[in-house]
PDB file of N, CA and C in Angstrom:
ATOM      1  N   MET A   1      21.349  67.468   6.539  1.00  0.00           N
ATOM      2  CA  MET A   1      20.341  67.444   5.754  1.00  0.00           C
ATOM      3  C   MET A   1      20.524  67.233   4.361  1.00  0.00           C
ATOM      4  N   HIS A   2      21.796  67.960   3.859  1.00  0.00           N
ATOM      5  CA  HIS A   2      22.293  67.715   2.338  1.00  0.00           C
ATOM      6  C   HIS A   2      22.464  66.298   2.065  1.00  0.00           C
ATOM      7  N   SER A   3      23.162  65.550   2.913  1.00  0.00           N
ATOM      8  CA  SER A   3      23.479  64.324   2.604  1.00  0.00           C
ATOM      9  C   SER A   3      22.267  63.301   2.650  1.00  0.00           C
ATOM     10  N   LEU A   4      21.375  63.716   3.371  1.00  0.00           N
ATOM     11  CA  LEU A   4      20.031  62.808   3.431  1.00  0.00           C
ATOM     12  C   LEU A   4      19.245  63.025   1.967  1.00  0.00           C
ATOM     13  N   LEU A   5      19.310  64.315   1.450  1.00  0.00           N
ATOM     14  CA  LEU A   5      18.845  64.569   0.245  1.00  0.00           C
ATOM     15  C   LEU A   5      19.688  63.632  -0.903  1.00  0.00           C
ATOM     16  N   VAL A   6      20.917  63.597  -0.951  1.00  0.00           N
ATOM     17  CA  VAL A   6      21.615  63.107  -1.908  1.00  0.00           C
ATOM     18  C   VAL A   6      21.348  61.505  -1.783  1.00  0.00           C
ATOM     19  N   VAL A   7      21.251  60.913  -0.704  1.00  0.00           N
ATOM     20  CA  VAL A   7      21.123  59.563  -0.605  1.00  0.00           C
ATOM     21  C   VAL A   7      19.562  59.165  -1.012  1.00  0.00           C
ATOM     22  N   ALA A   8      18.834  60.183  -0.729  1.00  0.00           N
ATOM     23  CA  ALA A   8      17.251  59.789  -1.032  1.00  0.00           C
ATOM     24  C   ALA A   8      17.141  59.917  -2.453  1.00  0.00           C
ATOM     25  N   THR A   9      17.776  60.864  -3.234  1.00  0.00           N
ATOM     26  CA  THR A   9      17.794  61.024  -4.641  1.00  0.00           C
ATOM     27  C   THR A   9      18.357  59.828  -5.307  1.00  0.00           C
ATOM     28  N   LEU A  10      19.527  59.469  -4.938  1.00  0.00           N
ATOM     29  CA  LEU A  10      20.280  58.253  -5.443  1.00  0.00           C
ATOM     30  C   LEU A  10      19.360  57.211  -5.382  1.00  0.00           C
ATOM     31  N   VAL A  11      18.746  56.757  -4.086  1.00  0.00           N
ATOM     32  CA  VAL A  11      18.054  55.595  -4.111  1.00  0.00           C
ATOM     33  C   VAL A  11      16.735  55.725  -4.834  1.00  0.00           C
ATOM     34  N   SER A  12      16.047  56.847  -4.957  1.00  0.00           N
ATOM     35  CA  SER A  12      14.771  56.905  -5.836  1.00  0.00           C
ATOM     36  C   SER A  12      15.152  56.778  -7.184  1.00  0.00           C
ATOM     37  N   SER A  13      16.104  57.417  -7.802  1.00  0.00           N
ATOM     38  CA  SER A  13      16.487  57.419  -9.179  1.00  0.00           C
ATOM     39  C   SER A  13      16.930  55.902  -9.544  1.00  0.00           C
ATOM     40  N   LEU A  14      17.454  55.326  -8.578  1.00  0.00           N
ATOM     41  CA  LEU A  14      18.055  54.045  -8.965  1.00  0.00           C
ATOM     42  C   LEU A  14      16.864  52.818  -8.941  1.00  0.00           C
ATOM     43  N   ALA A  15      16.042  53.126  -8.016  1.00  0.00           N
ATOM     44  CA  ALA A  15      14.640  52.232  -7.783  1.00  0.00           C
ATOM     45  C   ALA A  15      13.822  52.399  -9.139  1.00  0.00           C
ATOM     46  N   ILE A  16      13.710  53.612  -9.659  1.00  0.00           N
ATOM     47  CA  ILE A  16      12.985  53.723 -10.897  1.00  0.00           C
ATOM     48  C   ILE A  16      13.447  53.006 -11.949  1.00  0.00           C
ATOM     49  N   CYS A  17      14.780  53.297 -12.069  1.00  0.00           N
ATOM     50  CA  CYS A  17      15.578  52.710 -13.179  1.00  0.00           C
ATOM     51  C   CYS A  17      15.602  50.903 -13.182  1.00  0.00           C
ATOM     52  N   LEU A  18      15.697  50.475 -11.947  1.00  0.00           N
ATOM     53  CA  LEU A  18      15.711  49.129 -11.748  1.00  0.00           C
ATOM     54  C   LEU A  18      14.252  48.427 -12.136  1.00  0.00           C
ATOM     55  N   ARG A  19      13.370  49.215 -11.551  1.00  0.00           N
ATOM     56  CA  ARG A  19      11.970  48.805 -11.885  1.00  0.00           C
ATOM     57  C   ARG A  19      11.565  48.672 -13.325  1.00  0.00           C
ATOM     58  N   LEU A  20      11.955  49.789 -14.152  1.00  0.00           N
ATOM     59  CA  LEU A  20      11.648  49.812 -15.451  1.00  0.00           C
ATOM     60  C   LEU A  20      12.496  48.772 -16.189  1.00  0.00           C
ATOM     61  N   ILE A  21      13.766  48.527 -15.996  1.00  0.00           N
ATOM     62  CA  ILE A  21      14.479  47.656 -16.548  1.00  0.00           C
ATOM     63  C   ILE A  21      14.049  46.051 -16.262  1.00  0.00           C
ATOM     64  N   THR A  22      13.193  45.948 -15.197  1.00  0.00           N
ATOM     65  CA  THR A  22      12.916  44.597 -14.671  1.00  0.00           C
ATOM     66  C   THR A  22      11.324  44.164 -15.180  1.00  0.00           C
ATOM     67  N   TYR A  23      10.869  45.181 -15.871  1.00  0.00           N
ATOM     68  CA  TYR A  23       9.411  44.963 -16.432  1.00  0.00           C
ATOM     69  C   TYR A  23       9.417  43.958 -17.337  1.00  0.00           C
ATOM     70  N   ARG A  24       8.457  43.028 -17.302  1.00  0.00           N
ATOM     71  CA  ARG A  24       8.286  41.910 -18.179  1.00  0.00           C
ATOM     72  C   ARG A  24       6.793  41.982 -18.760  1.00  0.00           C
ATOM     73  N   PRO A  25       6.677  42.184 -20.107  1.00  0.00           N
ATOM     74  CA  PRO A  25       5.386  42.364 -20.606  1.00  0.00           C
ATOM     75  C   PRO A  25       4.496  40.979 -20.686  1.00  0.00           C
ATOM     76  N   GLY A  26       3.180  41.013 -20.651  1.00  0.00           N
ATOM     77  CA  GLY A  26       2.489  39.829 -20.601  1.00  0.00           C
ATOM     78  C   GLY A  26       2.426  39.128 -22.045  1.00  0.00           C
ATOM     79  N   PRO A  27       1.925  37.963 -22.085  1.00  0.00           N
ATOM     80  CA  PRO A  27       1.953  37.300 -23.496  1.00  0.00           C
ATOM     81  C   PRO A  27       1.079  38.080 -24.531  1.00  0.00           C
ATOM     82  N   ASP A  28       0.099  38.763 -24.197  1.00  0.00           N
ATOM     83  CA  ASP A  28      -0.804  39.420 -25.086  1.00  0.00           C
ATOM     84  C   ASP A  28      -0.293  40.757 -25.357  1.00  0.00           C
ATOM     85  N   ALA A  29       0.825  41.420 -24.627  1.00  0.00           N
ATOM     86  CA  ALA A  29       0.984  42.949 -24.726  1.00  0.00           C
ATOM     87  C   ALA A  29       1.474  43.076 -26.099  1.00  0.00           C
ATOM     88  N   CYS A  30       1.142  44.216 -26.623  1.00  0.00           N
ATOM     89  CA  CYS A  30       1.736  44.772 -28.039  1.00  0.00           C
ATOM     90  C   CYS A  30       2.757  45.721 -27.963  1.00  0.00           C
ATOM     91  N   HIS A  31       3.604  45.652 -28.959  1.00  0.00           N
ATOM     92  CA  HIS A  31       4.791  46.608 -28.908  1.00  0.00           C
ATOM     93  C   HIS A  31       4.613  47.955 -29.475  1.00  0.00           C
ATOM     94  N   ARG A  32       4.807  49.152 -28.751  1.00  0.00           N
ATOM     95  CA  ARG A  32       4.429  50.392 -29.439  1.00  0.00           C
ATOM     96  C   ARG A  32       5.824  51.184 -29.365  1.00  0.00           C
ATOM     97  N   LEU A  33       6.129  51.691 -30.525  1.00  0.00           N
ATOM     98  CA  LEU A  33       7.477  52.318 -30.598  1.00  0.00           C
ATOM     99  C   LEU A  33       7.590  53.488 -29.775  1.00  0.00           C
ATOM    100  N   GLY A  34       6.571  54.335 -29.568  1.00  0.00           N
ATOM    101  CA  GLY A  34       6.602  55.502 -28.682  1.00  0.00           C
ATOM    102  C   GLY A  34       6.697  55.227 -27.386  1.00  0.00           C
ATOM    103  N   VAL A  35       5.997  54.317 -26.761  1.00  0.00           N
ATOM    104  CA  VAL A  35       6.108  53.856 -25.408  1.00  0.00           C
ATOM    105  C   VAL A  35       7.211  53.267 -25.221  1.00  0.00           C
ATOM    106  N   SER A  36       7.968  52.531 -26.168  1.00  0.00           N
ATOM    107  CA  SER A  36       9.334  51.991 -25.890  1.00  0.00           C
ATOM    108  C   SER A  36      10.363  53.034 -25.775  1.00  0.00           C
ATOM    109  N   CYS A  37      10.373  54.002 -26.749  1.00  0.00           N
ATOM    110  CA  CYS A  37      11.063  55.063 -26.706  1.00  0.00           C
ATOM    111  C   CYS A  37      11.047  55.890 -25.274  1.00  0.00           C
ATOM    112  N   CYS A  38       9.854  56.084 -24.703  1.00  0.00           N
ATOM    113  CA  CYS A  38       9.655  56.795 -23.598  1.00  0.00           C
ATOM    114  C   CYS A  38      10.196  56.099 -22.523  1.00  0.00           C
ATOM    115  N   ALA A  39      10.064  54.774 -22.369  1.00  0.00           N
ATOM    116  CA  ALA A  39      10.627  53.857 -21.442  1.00  0.00           C
ATOM    117  C   ALA A  39      12.239  53.857 -21.363  1.00  0.00           C
ATOM    118  N   TRP A  40      12.591  53.790 -22.677  1.00  0.00           N
ATOM    119  CA  TRP A  40      14.195  53.871 -22.655  1.00  0.00           C
ATOM    120  C   TRP A  40      14.612  55.155 -22.236  1.00  0.00           C
ATOM    121  N   LEU A  41      14.069  56.226 -22.479  1.00  0.00           N
ATOM    122  CA  LEU A  41      14.464  57.728 -21.838  1.00  0.00           C
ATOM    123  C   LEU A  41      14.357  57.664 -20.450  1.00  0.00           C
ATOM    124  N   LEU A  42      13.188  57.083 -19.848  1.00  0.00           N
ATOM    125  CA  LEU A  42      13.231  56.957 -18.467  1.00  0.00           C
ATOM    126  C   LEU A  42      14.353  56.324 -17.743  1.00  0.00           C
ATOM    127  N   ILE A  43      14.436  55.186 -18.385  1.00  0.00           N
ATOM    128  CA  ILE A  43      15.572  54.378 -17.836  1.00  0.00           C
ATOM    129  C   ILE A  43      17.125  55.048 -18.003  1.00  0.00           C
ATOM    130  N   ALA A  44      17.169  55.739 -19.239  1.00  0.00           N
ATOM    131  CA  ALA A  44      18.574  56.307 -19.518  1.00  0.00           C
ATOM    132  C   ALA A  44      18.714  57.512 -18.358  1.00  0.00           C
ATOM    133  N   CYS A  45      17.448  58.405 -18.240  1.00  0.00           N
ATOM    134  CA  CYS A  45      17.726  59.582 -17.377  1.00  0.00           C
ATOM    135  C   CYS A  45      17.921  59.159 -15.748  1.00  0.00           C
ATOM    136  N   SER A  46      17.016  58.229 -15.403  1.00  0.00           N
ATOM    137  CA  SER A  46      17.113  57.979 -13.905  1.00  0.00           C
ATOM    138  C   SER A  46      18.325  56.987 -13.694  1.00  0.00           C
ATOM    139  N   GLY A  47      18.809  56.253 -14.570  1.00  0.00           N
ATOM    140  CA  GLY A  47      20.119  55.664 -14.573  1.00  0.00           C
ATOM    141  C   GLY A  47      21.139  56.632 -14.594  1.00  0.00           C
ATOM    142  N   GLY A  48      21.199  57.582 -15.426  1.00  0.00           N
ATOM    143  CA  GLY A  48      22.225  58.488 -15.551  1.00  0.00           C
ATOM    144  C   GLY A  48      22.300  59.399 -14.347  1.00  0.00           C
ATOM    145  N   LEU A  49      21.141  59.704 -13.713  1.00  0.00           N
ATOM    146  CA  LEU A  49      21.054  60.486 -12.485  1.00  0.00           C
ATOM    147  C   LEU A  49      21.680  59.836 -11.402  1.00  0.00           C
ATOM    148  N   ALA A  50      21.369  58.390 -11.288  1.00  0.00           N
ATOM    149  CA  ALA A  50      21.717  57.658 -10.103  1.00  0.00           C
ATOM    150  C   ALA A  50      23.378  57.494 -10.228  1.00  0.00           C
ATOM    151  N   ILE A  51      23.889  57.470 -11.480  1.00  0.00           N
ATOM    152  CA  ILE A  51      25.417  57.411 -11.688  1.00  0.00           C
ATOM    153  C   ILE A  51      25.907  58.885 -11.191  1.00  0.00           C
ATOM    154  N   HIS A  52      25.449  59.653 -11.775  1.00  0.00           N
ATOM    155  CA  HIS A  52      26.091  60.927 -11.484  1.00  0.00           C
ATOM    156  C   HIS A  52      26.038  61.366 -10.096  1.00  0.00           C
ATOM    157  N   VAL A  53      24.832  61.189  -9.438  1.00  0.00           N
ATOM    158  CA  VAL A  53      24.777  61.432  -7.814  1.00  0.00           C
ATOM    159  C   VAL A  53      25.909  60.372  -7.109  1.00  0.00           C
ATOM    160  N   ALA A  54      26.044  59.187  -7.713  1.00  0.00           N
ATOM    161  CA  ALA A  54      26.848  58.142  -6.969  1.00  0.00           C
ATOM    162  C   ALA A  54      28.425  58.731  -7.048  1.00  0.00           C
ATOM    163  N   LEU A  55      28.640  59.277  -8.367  1.00  0.00           N
ATOM    164  CA  LEU A  55      30.050  59.660  -8.484  1.00  0.00           C
ATOM    165  C   LEU A  55      30.423  60.865  -7.738  1.00  0.00           C
ATOM    166  N   LEU A  56      29.482  61.758  -7.715  1.00  0.00           N
ATOM    167  CA  LEU A  56      29.779  62.970  -7.178  1.00  0.00           C
ATOM    168  C   LEU A  56      29.542  62.968  -5.635  1.00  0.00           C
ATOM    169  N   GLY A  57      28.890  62.087  -5.164  1.00  0.00           N
ATOM    170  CA  GLY A  57      28.575  61.780  -3.641  1.00  0.00           C
ATOM    171  C   GLY A  57      28.017  63.126  -2.914  1.00  0.00           C
ATOM    172  N   ALA A  58      28.779  63.657  -1.790  1.00  0.00           N
ATOM    173  CA  ALA A  58      28.158  64.675  -1.136  1.00  0.00           C
ATOM    174  C   ALA A  58      28.067  66.012  -1.739  1.00  0.00           C
ATOM    175  N   SER A  59      28.897  66.135  -2.953  1.00  0.00           N
ATOM    176  CA  SER A  59      28.904  67.390  -3.673  1.00  0.00           C
ATOM    177  C   SER A  59      28.046  67.525  -4.765  1.00  0.00           C
ATOM    178  N   ALA A  60      27.274  66.545  -4.794  1.00  0.00           N
ATOM    179  CA  ALA A  60      26.179  66.499  -6.029  1.00  0.00           C
ATOM    180  C   ALA A  60      25.161  67.594  -5.538  1.00  0.00           C
ATOM    181  N   GLN A  61      24.541  68.301  -6.585  1.00  0.00           N
ATOM    182  CA  GLN A  61      23.801  69.320  -6.418  1.00  0.00           C
ATOM    183  C   GLN A  61      22.302  68.785  -6.640  1.00  0.00           C
ATOM    184  N   VAL A  62      21.560  68.523  -5.470  1.00  0.00           N
ATOM    185  CA  VAL A  62      20.243  68.048  -5.499  1.00  0.00           C
ATOM    186  C   VAL A  62      19.023  68.948  -4.711  1.00  0.00           C
ATOM    187  N   SER A  63      18.049  68.994  -5.070  1.00  0.00           N
ATOM    188  CA  SER A  63      17.303  69.721  -4.336  1.00  0.00           C
ATOM    189  C   SER A  63      15.992  68.986  -3.745  1.00  0.00           C
ATOM    190  N   VAL A  64      15.290  69.467  -2.899  1.00  0.00           N
ATOM    191  CA  VAL A  64      13.962  68.920  -2.357  1.00  0.00           C
ATOM    192  C   VAL A  64      13.130  68.683  -3.432  1.00  0.00           C
ATOM    193  N   TRP A  65      13.094  69.657  -4.506  1.00  0.00           N
ATOM    194  CA  TRP A  65      12.051  69.681  -5.516  1.00  0.00           C
ATOM    195  C   TRP A  65      12.398  68.521  -6.422  1.00  0.00           C
ATOM    196  N   GLN A  66      13.658  68.343  -6.680  1.00  0.00           N
ATOM    197  CA  GLN A  66      13.918  67.270  -7.470  1.00  0.00           C
ATOM    198  C   GLN A  66      13.450  65.885  -6.872  1.00  0.00           C
ATOM    199  N   LEU A  67      13.985  65.842  -5.630  1.00  0.00           N
ATOM    200  CA  LEU A  67      13.461  64.572  -4.987  1.00  0.00           C
ATOM    201  C   LEU A  67      12.065  64.381  -4.858  1.00  0.00           C
ATOM    202  N   GLY A  68      11.281  65.403  -4.650  1.00  0.00           N
ATOM    203  CA  GLY A  68       9.718  65.364  -4.840  1.00  0.00           C
ATOM    204  C   GLY A  68       9.315  64.779  -6.235  1.00  0.00           C
ATOM    205  N   LEU A  69       9.843  65.202  -7.281  1.00  0.00           N
ATOM    206  CA  LEU A  69       9.496  64.647  -8.693  1.00  0.00           C
ATOM    207  C   LEU A  69       9.778  63.172  -8.825  1.00  0.00           C
ATOM    208  N   LEU A  70      10.977  62.785  -8.296  1.00  0.00           N
ATOM    209  CA  LEU A  70      11.571  61.607  -8.232  1.00  0.00           C
ATOM    210  C   LEU A  70      10.605  60.444  -7.277  1.00  0.00           C
ATOM    211  N   VAL A  71      10.171  61.010  -6.187  1.00  0.00           N
ATOM    212  CA  VAL A  71       9.396  60.151  -5.422  1.00  0.00           C
ATOM    213  C   VAL A  71       8.128  59.824  -6.017  1.00  0.00           C
ATOM    214  N   VAL A  72       7.500  60.964  -6.727  1.00  0.00           N
ATOM    215  CA  VAL A  72       6.094  60.864  -7.418  1.00  0.00           C
ATOM    216  C   VAL A  72       6.264  59.920  -8.611  1.00  0.00           C
ATOM    217  N   LEU A  73       7.429  59.986  -9.425  1.00  0.00           N
ATOM    218  CA  LEU A  73       7.572  59.062 -10.429  1.00  0.00           C
ATOM    219  C   LEU A  73       7.725  57.776  -9.803  1.00  0.00           C
ATOM    220  N   LEU A  74       8.479  57.514  -8.835  1.00  0.00           N
ATOM    221  CA  LEU A  74       8.881  56.200  -8.128  1.00  0.00           C
ATOM    222  C   LEU A  74       7.442  55.542  -7.839  1.00  0.00           C
ATOM    223  N   LEU A  75       6.633  56.254  -7.227  1.00  0.00           N
ATOM    224  CA  LEU A  75       5.273  55.794  -6.732  1.00  0.00           C
ATOM    225  C   LEU A  75       4.487  55.407  -8.082  1.00  0.00           C
ATOM    226  N   VAL A  76       4.391  56.091  -9.032  1.00  0.00           N
ATOM    227  CA  VAL A  76       3.667  55.875  -9.997  1.00  0.00           C
ATOM    228  C   VAL A  76       4.189  54.841 -10.853  1.00  0.00           C
ATOM    229  N   THR A  77       5.485  54.514 -11.020  1.00  0.00           N
ATOM    230  CA  THR A  77       6.206  53.430 -11.753  1.00  0.00           C
ATOM    231  C   THR A  77       5.792  52.186 -10.858  1.00  0.00           C
ATOM    232  N   TYR A  78       5.970  52.138  -9.607  1.00  0.00           N
ATOM    233  CA  TYR A  78       5.695  50.953  -8.885  1.00  0.00           C
ATOM    234  C   TYR A  78       4.304  50.646  -8.705  1.00  0.00           C
ATOM    235  N   ARG A  79       3.395  51.500  -8.813  1.00  0.00           N
ATOM    236  CA  ARG A  79       2.000  51.193  -8.919  1.00  0.00           C
ATOM    237  C   ARG A  79       1.684  50.492 -10.329  1.00  0.00           C
ATOM    238  N   ALA A  80       2.362  51.105 -11.484  1.00  0.00           N
ATOM    239  CA  ALA A  80       2.079  50.524 -12.692  1.00  0.00           C
ATOM    240  C   ALA A  80       2.952  49.117 -12.993  1.00  0.00           C
ATOM    241  N   ARG A  81       3.735  48.794 -11.957  1.00  0.00           N
ATOM    242  CA  ARG A  81       4.708  47.567 -12.126  1.00  0.00           C
ATOM    243  C   ARG A  81       5.591  47.703 -13.035  1.00  0.00           C
ATOM    244  N   GLY A  82       5.993  48.986 -13.379  1.00  0.00           N
ATOM    245  CA  GLY A  82       6.994  49.124 -14.575  1.00  0.00           C
ATOM    246  C   GLY A  82       6.414  49.371 -15.863  1.00  0.00           C
ATOM    247  N   ASN A  83       4.997  49.382 -16.064  1.00  0.00           N
ATOM    248  CA  ASN A  83       4.516  49.263 -17.378  1.00  0.00           C
ATOM    249  C   ASN A  83       4.302  50.794 -17.794  1.00  0.00           C
ATOM    250  N   VAL A  84       5.186  51.219 -18.538  1.00  0.00           N
ATOM    251  CA  VAL A  84       5.184  52.810 -19.044  1.00  0.00           C
ATOM    252  C   VAL A  84       3.915  53.073 -19.846  1.00  0.00           C
ATOM    253  N   ALA A  85       3.327  52.078 -20.591  1.00  0.00           N
ATOM    254  CA  ALA A  85       2.157  52.305 -21.259  1.00  0.00           C
ATOM    255  C   ALA A  85       0.998  52.633 -20.116  1.00  0.00           C
ATOM    256  N   GLN A  86       1.007  51.860 -18.992  1.00  0.00           N
ATOM    257  CA  GLN A  86       0.070  52.206 -18.120  1.00  0.00           C
ATOM    258  C   GLN A  86       0.262  53.490 -17.306  1.00  0.00           C
ATOM    259  N   ILE A  87       1.436  53.881 -17.328  1.00  0.00           N
ATOM    260  CA  ILE A  87       1.819  55.258 -16.693  1.00  0.00           C
ATOM    261  C   ILE A  87       1.279  56.379 -17.479  1.00  0.00           C
ATOM    262  N   LEU A  88       1.527  56.128 -18.986  1.00  0.00           N
ATOM    263  CA  LEU A  88       1.188  57.105 -19.858  1.00  0.00           C
ATOM    264  C   LEU A  88      -0.412  57.095 -20.179  1.00  0.00           C
ATOM    265  N   ARG A  89      -1.311  56.141 -19.799  1.00  0.00           N
ATOM    266  CA  ARG A  89      -2.501  56.174 -20.212  1.00  0.00           C
ATOM    267  C   ARG A  89      -3.304  57.194 -19.522  1.00  0.00           C
ATOM    268  N   VAL A  90      -4.160  57.801 -20.230  1.00  0.00           N
ATOM    269  CA  VAL A  90      -5.073  58.813 -19.599  1.00  0.00           C
ATOM    270  C   VAL A  90      -6.351  58.380 -19.782  1.00  0.00           C
ATOM    271  N   GLU A  91      -7.078  58.374 -18.663  1.00  0.00           N
ATOM    272  CA  GLU A  91      -8.541  57.990 -18.617  1.00  0.00           C
ATOM    273  C   GLU A  91      -9.476  58.999 -18.308  1.00  0.00           C
TER     274      GLU A  91
END
């Protein structure tokens, strides 16, 4: 069970990082510093977590709760097509 959690955490965090990195704004998109900083922080944290889990392997300390948060963030990120401004938008 633990190794399944480790692999799922690694895949989730890596998928979040890669989707955010590959985001391409449209031609009419405007640059907002706060959103860019939030995107950078999400990329750095999800990529850092992926590297951390990959380096530690089976000895990485992950939990089902951490994986749950990552899966929710992954779904929201893919639904917004990597657009952090759309993720942060409150309607």
